[in-house]
Structure formats: structure tokens, C-alpha cells
Amino acid sequence: MIDEIGKGRTFNAGHLPVRYPFGMGLNVQIRVPSIEPLVEALARIKHPLFLPVEDMWYRVGPNESGNRQFVVADPDGYLLRFFHDLGVRLCKA
């Protein structure tokens, strides 16, 4: 669940940071079937992307695992990295 601090039920047991941005340094990765509907919805409301859509390949042993991804900051400053899977390929030497 993604929740905005101060709206609805807030879980504050004295552990929250004392000033904005609350999520400084936190990057949450969220897998979705396709990022395109999210990117289109954010564009419609003119919400900026923190990092634009990109294809990234990450080494996993002898292979690379691909993500099409983007990063957006939520209202509390947390960075949300939405991605969908591009598959696996052999590492380039």
C-alpha cells in the first residue's frame, strides 16, 4: 500500500522523520505488468518523473536481467521505481 502521511490512517509511533522529505534515500521498487499506463496517467496530471523511462540491464551471474523502469517521488518524498520485466539475456563480454 502507498499511503500519504497525514491523510487517512497514519502509523506514527514516534518513528517518522521530523522534516520533509521523509523518504530521503529510500527507493522502493515495484513490479507491474506494464509501466505505460502509469506513465500515461502521470503525464495526464502533469506529475513530473524523478527519472525518465529507461531500459536497464542488471548483471545476475552469467546473464543480464532487464527492466523498463521509471522513478517518481510520492507526496512525502519517497522514490518509487516502477518496472516491468524485459527478460533475460547473456552478458556481453
N, C-alpha and C. Protein backbone atom coordinates (compact mmCIF):
# COMPACT_ATOMS: atom_id res chain seq x y z
N MET A 1 0.84 -1.18 0.00
CA MET A 1 0.00 0.00 0.00
C MET A 1 0.88 1.24 0.00
N ILE A 2 0.51 2.21 -0.76
CA ILE A 2 1.18 3.50 -0.76
C ILE A 2 0.22 4.47 -0.07
N ASP A 3 0.68 5.12 0.99
CA ASP A 3 -0.17 5.97 1.79
C ASP A 3 0.52 7.31 1.99
N GLU A 4 -0.24 8.39 1.95
CA GLU A 4 0.31 9.72 2.18
C GLU A 4 0.18 10.08 3.65
N ILE A 5 1.30 10.47 4.26
CA ILE A 5 1.31 10.82 5.67
C ILE A 5 0.34 11.97 5.92
N GLY A 6 -0.49 11.84 6.98
CA GLY A 6 -1.43 12.89 7.34
C GLY A 6 -2.80 12.75 6.71
N LYS A 7 -2.98 11.76 5.84
CA LYS A 7 -4.29 11.54 5.20
C LYS A 7 -4.73 10.12 5.52
N GLY A 8 -5.93 9.99 6.03
CA GLY A 8 -6.41 8.66 6.41
C GLY A 8 -5.71 8.19 7.67
N ARG A 9 -5.54 6.90 7.80
CA ARG A 9 -4.87 6.34 8.98
C ARG A 9 -3.37 6.50 8.83
N THR A 10 -2.74 7.08 9.84
CA THR A 10 -1.29 7.28 9.82
C THR A 10 -0.65 6.46 10.93
N PHE A 11 0.31 5.68 10.58
CA PHE A 11 1.02 4.84 11.55
C PHE A 11 2.23 5.62 12.06
N ASN A 12 2.05 6.36 13.14
CA ASN A 12 3.14 7.15 13.70
C ASN A 12 3.32 6.79 15.16
N ALA A 13 4.33 6.00 15.40
CA ALA A 13 4.66 5.61 16.77
C ALA A 13 5.94 6.31 17.19
N GLY A 14 6.14 7.53 16.68
CA GLY A 14 7.35 8.28 17.00
C GLY A 14 8.55 7.91 16.16
N HIS A 15 8.34 7.09 15.13
CA HIS A 15 9.45 6.64 14.30
C HIS A 15 9.62 7.46 13.02
N LEU A 16 8.69 8.36 12.72
CA LEU A 16 8.76 9.12 11.48
C LEU A 16 9.83 10.20 11.53
N PRO A 17 10.48 10.48 10.41
CA PRO A 17 11.42 11.60 10.36
C PRO A 17 10.71 12.89 10.73
N VAL A 18 11.47 13.85 11.21
CA VAL A 18 10.87 15.08 11.72
C VAL A 18 10.65 16.14 10.65
N ARG A 19 11.24 15.99 9.48
CA ARG A 19 11.03 17.02 8.45
C ARG A 19 11.03 16.39 7.05
N TYR A 20 10.43 17.11 6.13
CA TYR A 20 10.35 16.72 4.72
C TYR A 20 11.72 16.88 4.07
N PRO A 21 12.14 16.07 3.11
CA PRO A 21 11.42 14.92 2.60
C PRO A 21 11.60 13.70 3.51
N PHE A 22 10.51 13.07 3.87
CA PHE A 22 10.53 11.95 4.80
C PHE A 22 11.29 10.76 4.25
N GLY A 23 11.18 10.52 2.96
CA GLY A 23 11.77 9.33 2.37
C GLY A 23 13.16 9.52 1.80
N MET A 24 13.90 10.52 2.26
CA MET A 24 15.21 10.80 1.70
C MET A 24 16.08 9.53 1.69
N GLY A 25 16.52 9.14 0.50
CA GLY A 25 17.40 7.99 0.36
C GLY A 25 16.68 6.67 0.18
N LEU A 26 15.37 6.63 0.34
CA LEU A 26 14.62 5.39 0.18
C LEU A 26 14.12 5.28 -1.25
N ASN A 27 14.34 4.11 -1.85
CA ASN A 27 13.92 3.85 -3.22
C ASN A 27 13.21 2.50 -3.20
N VAL A 28 11.90 2.50 -3.41
CA VAL A 28 11.10 1.28 -3.38
C VAL A 28 10.86 0.83 -4.82
N GLN A 29 11.19 -0.44 -5.11
CA GLN A 29 10.98 -0.98 -6.45
C GLN A 29 9.68 -1.78 -6.48
N ILE A 30 8.84 -1.49 -7.47
CA ILE A 30 7.51 -2.11 -7.57
C ILE A 30 7.34 -2.68 -8.98
N ARG A 31 7.16 -4.00 -9.05
CA ARG A 31 6.96 -4.65 -10.35
C ARG A 31 5.49 -4.55 -10.76
N VAL A 32 5.26 -4.16 -12.00
CA VAL A 32 3.92 -4.05 -12.56
C VAL A 32 3.88 -4.77 -13.91
N PRO A 33 2.71 -5.16 -14.38
CA PRO A 33 2.64 -5.83 -15.69
C PRO A 33 3.16 -4.95 -16.83
N SER A 34 2.90 -3.64 -16.75
CA SER A 34 3.35 -2.69 -17.77
C SER A 34 3.43 -1.30 -17.14
N ILE A 35 4.51 -0.59 -17.43
CA ILE A 35 4.64 0.76 -16.86
C ILE A 35 3.88 1.80 -17.67
N GLU A 36 3.53 1.50 -18.92
CA GLU A 36 2.93 2.50 -19.80
C GLU A 36 1.66 3.15 -19.23
N PRO A 37 0.72 2.39 -18.67
CA PRO A 37 -0.48 3.06 -18.12
C PRO A 37 -0.14 4.04 -16.98
N LEU A 38 0.86 3.71 -16.18
CA LEU A 38 1.27 4.62 -15.10
C LEU A 38 1.91 5.88 -15.65
N VAL A 39 2.79 5.72 -16.63
CA VAL A 39 3.45 6.87 -17.24
C VAL A 39 2.41 7.79 -17.89
N GLU A 40 1.45 7.20 -18.60
CA GLU A 40 0.39 7.99 -19.24
C GLU A 40 -0.46 8.73 -18.21
N ALA A 41 -0.82 8.06 -17.11
CA ALA A 41 -1.64 8.69 -16.06
C ALA A 41 -0.88 9.85 -15.42
N LEU A 42 0.40 9.67 -15.15
CA LEU A 42 1.21 10.75 -14.56
C LEU A 42 1.33 11.93 -15.52
N ALA A 43 1.48 11.63 -16.81
CA ALA A 43 1.57 12.70 -17.82
C ALA A 43 0.26 13.49 -17.89
N ARG A 44 -0.87 12.78 -17.80
CA ARG A 44 -2.19 13.46 -17.86
C ARG A 44 -2.34 14.49 -16.73
N ILE A 45 -1.83 14.17 -15.55
CA ILE A 45 -1.97 15.11 -14.43
C ILE A 45 -0.74 16.00 -14.28
N LYS A 46 0.18 15.89 -15.26
CA LYS A 46 1.39 16.72 -15.29
C LYS A 46 2.26 16.55 -14.04
N HIS A 47 2.31 15.30 -13.54
CA HIS A 47 3.18 14.99 -12.40
C HIS A 47 4.55 14.61 -12.95
N PRO A 48 5.61 15.30 -12.53
CA PRO A 48 6.93 15.04 -13.10
C PRO A 48 7.51 13.70 -12.69
N LEU A 49 8.30 13.13 -13.56
CA LEU A 49 9.06 11.93 -13.23
C LEU A 49 10.38 12.35 -12.62
N PHE A 50 10.82 11.64 -11.59
CA PHE A 50 12.12 11.90 -10.97
C PHE A 50 13.23 11.41 -11.89
N LEU A 51 13.04 10.23 -12.48
CA LEU A 51 13.92 9.69 -13.53
C LEU A 51 13.02 9.22 -14.67
N PRO A 52 13.36 9.56 -15.91
CA PRO A 52 12.50 9.19 -17.04
C PRO A 52 12.53 7.69 -17.32
N VAL A 53 11.62 7.26 -18.18
CA VAL A 53 11.56 5.86 -18.60
C VAL A 53 12.90 5.47 -19.22
N GLU A 54 13.38 4.30 -18.82
CA GLU A 54 14.66 3.81 -19.36
C GLU A 54 14.64 2.29 -19.32
N ASP A 55 15.44 1.70 -20.20
CA ASP A 55 15.68 0.26 -20.16
C ASP A 55 17.03 0.05 -19.50
N MET A 56 17.04 -0.75 -18.44
CA MET A 56 18.28 -1.03 -17.71
C MET A 56 18.48 -2.53 -17.64
N TRP A 57 19.74 -2.94 -17.75
CA TRP A 57 20.10 -4.35 -17.67
C TRP A 57 21.05 -4.52 -16.50
N TYR A 58 20.73 -5.49 -15.63
CA TYR A 58 21.49 -5.73 -14.41
C TYR A 58 22.09 -7.13 -14.46
N ARG A 59 23.36 -7.21 -14.14
CA ARG A 59 24.06 -8.49 -14.19
C ARG A 59 23.58 -9.39 -13.05
N VAL A 60 23.23 -10.62 -13.43
CA VAL A 60 22.84 -11.66 -12.48
C VAL A 60 23.59 -12.92 -12.90
N GLY A 61 24.75 -13.15 -12.27
CA GLY A 61 25.58 -14.29 -12.68
C GLY A 61 26.06 -14.11 -14.11
N PRO A 62 25.91 -15.13 -14.96
CA PRO A 62 26.36 -15.03 -16.35
C PRO A 62 25.36 -14.31 -17.26
N ASN A 63 24.23 -13.90 -16.71
CA ASN A 63 23.16 -13.28 -17.50
C ASN A 63 22.92 -11.84 -17.09
N GLU A 64 22.08 -11.18 -17.86
CA GLU A 64 21.57 -9.86 -17.51
C GLU A 64 20.05 -9.93 -17.46
N SER A 65 19.48 -9.30 -16.46
CA SER A 65 18.04 -9.21 -16.30
C SER A 65 17.62 -7.78 -16.64
N GLY A 66 16.63 -7.64 -17.51
CA GLY A 66 16.24 -6.31 -18.00
C GLY A 66 14.98 -5.78 -17.35
N ASN A 67 14.99 -4.48 -17.11
CA ASN A 67 13.83 -3.75 -16.61
C ASN A 67 13.57 -2.53 -17.48
N ARG A 68 12.31 -2.29 -17.84
CA ARG A 68 11.89 -0.98 -18.34
C ARG A 68 11.31 -0.29 -17.11
N GLN A 69 11.84 0.87 -16.77
CA GLN A 69 11.53 1.46 -15.47
C GLN A 69 11.50 2.98 -15.52
N PHE A 70 10.91 3.56 -14.47
CA PHE A 70 10.97 4.99 -14.23
C PHE A 70 10.85 5.20 -12.73
N VAL A 71 11.23 6.39 -12.27
CA VAL A 71 11.15 6.71 -10.85
C VAL A 71 10.32 7.98 -10.68
N VAL A 72 9.41 7.96 -9.71
CA VAL A 72 8.57 9.10 -9.38
C VAL A 72 8.65 9.31 -7.87
N ALA A 73 8.61 10.57 -7.43
CA ALA A 73 8.57 10.86 -6.00
C ALA A 73 7.12 10.98 -5.57
N ASP A 74 6.77 10.34 -4.46
CA ASP A 74 5.41 10.48 -3.94
C ASP A 74 5.31 11.77 -3.14
N PRO A 75 4.12 12.16 -2.67
CA PRO A 75 3.96 13.45 -1.98
C PRO A 75 4.80 13.60 -0.71
N ASP A 76 5.24 12.48 -0.12
CA ASP A 76 6.06 12.55 1.08
C ASP A 76 7.55 12.48 0.79
N GLY A 77 7.93 12.40 -0.48
CA GLY A 77 9.34 12.40 -0.85
C GLY A 77 9.95 11.03 -1.07
N TYR A 78 9.15 9.96 -0.93
CA TYR A 78 9.68 8.62 -1.18
C TYR A 78 9.82 8.41 -2.68
N LEU A 79 10.89 7.76 -3.10
CA LEU A 79 11.10 7.47 -4.51
C LEU A 79 10.55 6.09 -4.83
N LEU A 80 9.66 6.03 -5.82
CA LEU A 80 9.03 4.79 -6.23
C LEU A 80 9.51 4.44 -7.64
N ARG A 81 10.16 3.29 -7.74
CA ARG A 81 10.69 2.81 -9.02
C ARG A 81 9.75 1.73 -9.54
N PHE A 82 8.92 2.08 -10.52
CA PHE A 82 8.02 1.11 -11.14
C PHE A 82 8.75 0.49 -12.33
N PHE A 83 8.59 -0.84 -12.49
CA PHE A 83 9.27 -1.51 -13.61
C PHE A 83 8.44 -2.67 -14.12
N HIS A 84 8.68 -3.00 -15.38
CA HIS A 84 8.22 -4.28 -15.89
C HIS A 84 9.40 -5.01 -16.50
N ASP A 85 9.29 -6.31 -16.52
CA ASP A 85 10.38 -7.22 -16.88
C ASP A 85 10.61 -7.23 -18.39
N LEU A 86 11.88 -7.12 -18.78
CA LEU A 86 12.26 -7.23 -20.20
C LEU A 86 12.85 -8.60 -20.53
N GLY A 87 12.96 -9.46 -19.53
CA GLY A 87 13.52 -10.78 -19.78
C GLY A 87 14.99 -10.87 -19.37
N VAL A 88 15.61 -11.95 -19.86
CA VAL A 88 16.99 -12.26 -19.52
C VAL A 88 17.79 -12.42 -20.81
N ARG A 89 19.03 -11.99 -20.79
CA ARG A 89 19.92 -12.18 -21.92
C ARG A 89 21.32 -12.53 -21.40
N LEU A 90 22.12 -13.10 -22.27
CA LEU A 90 23.50 -13.40 -21.91
C LEU A 90 24.27 -12.10 -21.78
N CYS A 91 25.18 -12.05 -20.81
CA CYS A 91 26.02 -10.85 -20.64
C CYS A 91 26.91 -10.67 -21.86
N LYS A 92 27.08 -9.43 -22.22
CA LYS A 92 28.03 -9.10 -23.28
C LYS A 92 29.41 -9.07 -22.66
N ALA A 93 30.38 -9.62 -23.32
CA ALA A 93 31.74 -9.73 -22.78
C ALA A 93 32.43 -8.41 -22.60
